[in-house]
Amino acid sequence: MNIKYNDENIEVLLLKFKPIFLYFSKKFYINGFTKEDIFQEAQLAFLKAIKYYDPTRNINLNTFIFFCINRKLVVLITKHNNKTNFINSNLKFSSDYIQNFRSKNLTCEHQLIIKEFINNIMLYASLNFTDLEFKVFQLMAKEFHYLEIAKMLKLEVKSIDNAIQRIRKKLNKNFNYNNIF
C-alpha cells in the first residue's frame, strides 16, 4: 500500500525524524562521504520507507523506517567498499609521487603522512571526478601544463581550464586545500 503524501506532510515527517537521521549520520562512516551526505542518504531511505510502508503487514512504522535506513546505509557501504577496492588497484601512479618526496630528506613519518594524503586525494578523485576531470587531474599531478594537457587530450584549452576549475572547487570543498597544484 503506497501512502499518499504532500510536501507539507513530508516537511513535518522529516523534522520529526531528524534525530534518527542524526543518529545514523554519527553511527556510519563512509570514506569520502561527509556526515551531511550520510544524513541525506538516511532521509532518502526514510522517504522510500514511508512510501512503501504497508500497515497490513503488522510491522511497526518506526521499526520499518529504522530497518530501511539501516539497510540502505549498509548496502551503500558495501557498494562503496567494493568500488574503492577496485579503484585502489588501478591507482598505479600514486607511488611515483612518493618517490619524489623520499629524495627530500623527510622523516619516515612525514613520508607516510604524505603518502596517505596523496592516496586519499587519488581515491577521492577516482570516485568523484568525471572521466575528463580525472584524466586532467592525473596529468596535472605529473606536472603537465594545461596547454600541454589540451594538446595531449586533443581538446580545447577552455575545456581543460574548465575541468581544472571544477577539480579545484571539488578538492577545496572536500580537503579545504586550494593549492594542491
Protein backbone atom coordinates (compact mmCIF):
# COMPACT_ATOMS: atom_id res chain seq x y z
CA MET A 1 0.00 0.00 0.00
CA ASN A 2 1.53 3.31 -1.04
CA ILE A 3 0.92 6.18 1.34
CA LYS A 4 -0.06 9.43 -0.32
CA TYR A 5 1.77 12.46 0.97
CA ASN A 6 2.38 16.07 0.02
CA ASP A 7 5.28 18.48 0.55
CA GLU A 8 3.86 19.82 3.81
CA ASN A 9 3.47 16.33 5.29
CA ILE A 10 6.99 15.43 4.18
CA GLU A 11 8.47 18.50 5.86
CA VAL A 12 6.71 17.62 9.13
CA LEU A 13 7.89 13.99 8.94
CA LEU A 14 11.47 14.96 8.09
CA LEU A 15 11.52 17.32 11.06
CA LYS A 16 10.01 14.70 13.38
CA PHE A 17 12.53 12.04 12.35
CA LYS A 18 15.56 14.35 12.29
CA PRO A 19 17.04 12.77 15.46
CA ILE A 20 17.06 9.39 13.70
CA PHE A 21 18.87 10.86 10.69
CA LEU A 22 21.41 12.45 13.04
CA TYR A 23 21.86 9.12 14.81
CA PHE A 24 22.65 7.37 11.53
CA SER A 25 24.95 10.13 10.32
CA LYS A 26 27.01 9.67 13.50
CA LYS A 27 26.80 5.87 13.54
CA PHE A 28 28.04 5.27 10.00
CA TYR A 29 31.29 6.30 8.38
CA ILE A 30 31.89 6.01 4.65
CA ASN A 31 35.24 7.17 3.33
CA GLY A 32 34.71 10.15 1.04
CA PHE A 33 31.26 10.94 2.45
CA THR A 34 30.52 13.78 4.82
CA LYS A 35 28.12 13.49 7.73
CA GLU A 36 25.71 15.60 5.65
CA ASP A 37 25.91 13.07 2.79
CA ILE A 38 25.04 10.23 5.16
CA PHE A 39 22.27 12.36 6.71
CA GLN A 40 20.83 12.93 3.24
CA GLU A 41 21.06 9.23 2.32
CA ALA A 42 19.18 8.44 5.54
CA GLN A 43 16.48 10.94 4.56
CA LEU A 44 16.15 9.36 1.10
CA ALA A 45 15.83 5.89 2.64
CA PHE A 46 13.24 7.30 5.02
CA LEU A 47 11.16 8.73 2.15
CA LYS A 48 11.29 5.41 0.34
CA ALA A 49 10.30 3.58 3.53
CA ILE A 50 7.22 5.71 4.16
CA LYS A 51 6.25 5.39 0.51
CA TYR A 52 6.28 1.59 0.64
CA TYR A 53 5.14 1.03 4.23
CA ASP A 54 2.29 -1.46 4.40
CA PRO A 55 0.37 -1.34 7.73
CA THR A 56 -1.37 -4.62 6.88
CA ARG A 57 1.91 -6.48 7.45
CA ASN A 58 1.77 -5.85 11.23
CA ILE A 59 5.15 -4.10 11.36
CA ASN A 60 5.61 -1.03 13.50
CA LEU A 61 6.24 2.05 11.30
CA ASN A 62 9.22 3.21 13.39
CA THR A 63 10.81 -0.23 13.23
CA PHE A 64 10.26 -0.41 9.49
CA ILE A 65 11.78 3.04 8.95
CA PHE A 66 14.76 2.24 11.18
CA PHE A 67 15.35 -1.05 9.35
CA CYS A 68 15.08 0.57 5.88
CA ILE A 69 17.52 3.36 6.72
CA ASN A 70 19.99 0.96 8.30
CA ARG A 71 19.78 -1.42 5.33
CA LYS A 72 20.24 1.39 2.79
CA LEU A 73 23.40 2.62 4.53
CA VAL A 74 24.84 -0.89 4.88
CA VAL A 75 24.25 -1.50 1.17
CA LEU A 76 25.84 1.86 0.38
CA ILE A 77 28.91 1.00 2.46
CA THR A 78 29.20 -2.41 0.80
CA LYS A 79 28.93 -0.92 -2.70
CA HIS A 80 31.36 1.85 -1.83
CA ASN A 81 33.91 -0.56 -0.35
CA ASN A 82 33.75 -2.82 -3.40
CA LYS A 83 34.20 0.19 -5.64
CA THR A 84 37.13 1.59 -3.68
CA ASN A 85 38.92 -1.76 -3.63
CA PHE A 86 38.65 -1.96 -7.40
CA ILE A 87 39.73 1.65 -7.84
CA ASN A 88 42.66 1.35 -5.43
CA SER A 89 44.09 -1.40 -7.59
CA ASN A 90 44.06 0.98 -10.56
CA LEU A 91 45.83 3.88 -8.87
CA LYS A 92 49.24 2.91 -10.10
CA PHE A 93 50.78 6.33 -10.32
CA SER A 94 50.44 7.39 -6.66
CA SER A 95 53.72 5.71 -5.75
CA ASP A 96 55.57 7.76 -8.41
CA TYR A 97 54.88 10.89 -6.43
CA ILE A 98 56.04 9.34 -3.18
CA GLN A 99 59.44 8.74 -4.76
CA ASN A 100 59.80 12.50 -5.25
CA PHE A 101 59.37 13.07 -1.51
CA ARG A 102 61.92 10.43 -0.48
CA SER A 103 64.70 12.44 -2.06
CA LYS A 104 63.89 15.48 0.09
CA ASN A 105 65.21 14.14 3.43
CA LEU A 106 61.82 13.74 5.04
CA THR A 107 61.33 11.51 8.05
CA CYS A 108 59.53 8.20 7.57
CA GLU A 109 56.58 9.64 9.48
CA HIS A 110 56.31 12.62 7.13
CA GLN A 111 56.61 10.33 4.10
CA LEU A 112 53.81 8.15 5.45
CA ILE A 113 51.59 11.18 6.08
CA ILE A 114 52.24 12.48 2.57
CA LYS A 115 51.60 9.04 1.06
CA GLU A 116 48.30 8.74 2.94
CA PHE A 117 47.28 12.25 1.89
CA ILE A 118 48.04 11.53 -1.77
CA ASN A 119 46.20 8.21 -1.63
CA ASN A 120 43.16 9.92 -0.10
CA ILE A 121 43.17 12.56 -2.82
CA MET A 122 43.58 9.96 -5.56
CA LEU A 123 40.77 7.84 -4.14
CA TYR A 124 38.51 10.86 -3.83
CA ALA A 125 39.35 11.91 -7.40
CA SER A 126 38.66 8.47 -8.82
CA LEU A 127 35.25 8.35 -7.13
CA ASN A 128 34.08 11.92 -7.62
CA PHE A 129 35.66 13.32 -10.77
CA THR A 130 34.27 12.90 -14.26
CA ASP A 131 36.42 10.92 -16.70
CA LEU A 132 37.79 14.14 -18.18
CA GLU A 133 38.49 15.66 -14.76
CA PHE A 134 40.29 12.51 -13.65
CA LYS A 135 42.47 12.43 -16.80
CA VAL A 136 43.30 16.12 -16.38
CA PHE A 137 43.99 15.57 -12.68
CA GLN A 138 46.42 12.73 -13.44
CA LEU A 139 48.28 14.83 -15.99
CA MET A 140 48.40 17.86 -13.69
CA ALA A 141 49.78 15.66 -10.93
CA LYS A 142 52.55 14.68 -13.37
CA GLU A 143 53.23 18.42 -13.72
CA PHE A 144 51.99 18.92 -17.27
CA HIS A 145 50.90 22.46 -18.13
CA TYR A 146 47.24 22.90 -19.08
CA LEU A 147 48.21 23.81 -22.65
CA GLU A 148 50.12 20.53 -22.93
CA ILE A 149 47.15 18.66 -21.46
CA ALA A 150 44.81 20.19 -24.04
CA LYS A 151 47.13 19.09 -26.84
CA MET A 152 47.56 15.56 -25.37
CA LEU A 153 43.81 15.05 -24.95
CA LYS A 154 43.01 16.81 -28.24
CA LEU A 155 40.60 19.18 -26.56
CA GLU A 156 40.08 22.92 -26.48
CA VAL A 157 42.17 24.81 -23.93
CA LYS A 158 38.96 26.23 -22.45
CA SER A 159 37.64 22.69 -21.80
CA ILE A 160 40.80 21.86 -19.87
CA ASP A 161 40.66 25.15 -17.98
CA ASN A 162 37.03 24.46 -17.01
CA ALA A 163 37.94 20.94 -15.86
CA ILE A 164 40.77 22.36 -13.73
CA GLN A 165 38.40 24.88 -12.12
CA ARG A 166 35.94 22.09 -11.27
CA ILE A 167 38.79 19.95 -9.86
CA ARG A 168 40.00 22.79 -7.65
CA LYS A 169 36.47 23.50 -6.46
CA LYS A 170 35.88 19.85 -5.55
CA LEU A 171 39.25 19.48 -3.81
CA ASN A 172 38.81 22.69 -1.87
CA LYS A 173 35.32 21.66 -0.78
CA ASN A 174 36.42 18.26 0.50
CA PHE A 175 40.02 18.82 1.57
CA ASN A 176 39.96 22.57 2.35
CA TYR A 177 43.13 22.83 0.39
CA ASN A 178 43.35 25.29 -2.52
CA ASN A 179 46.90 24.81 -3.66
CA ILE A 180 47.37 21.13 -4.40
CA PHE A 181 48.73 22.19 -7.80
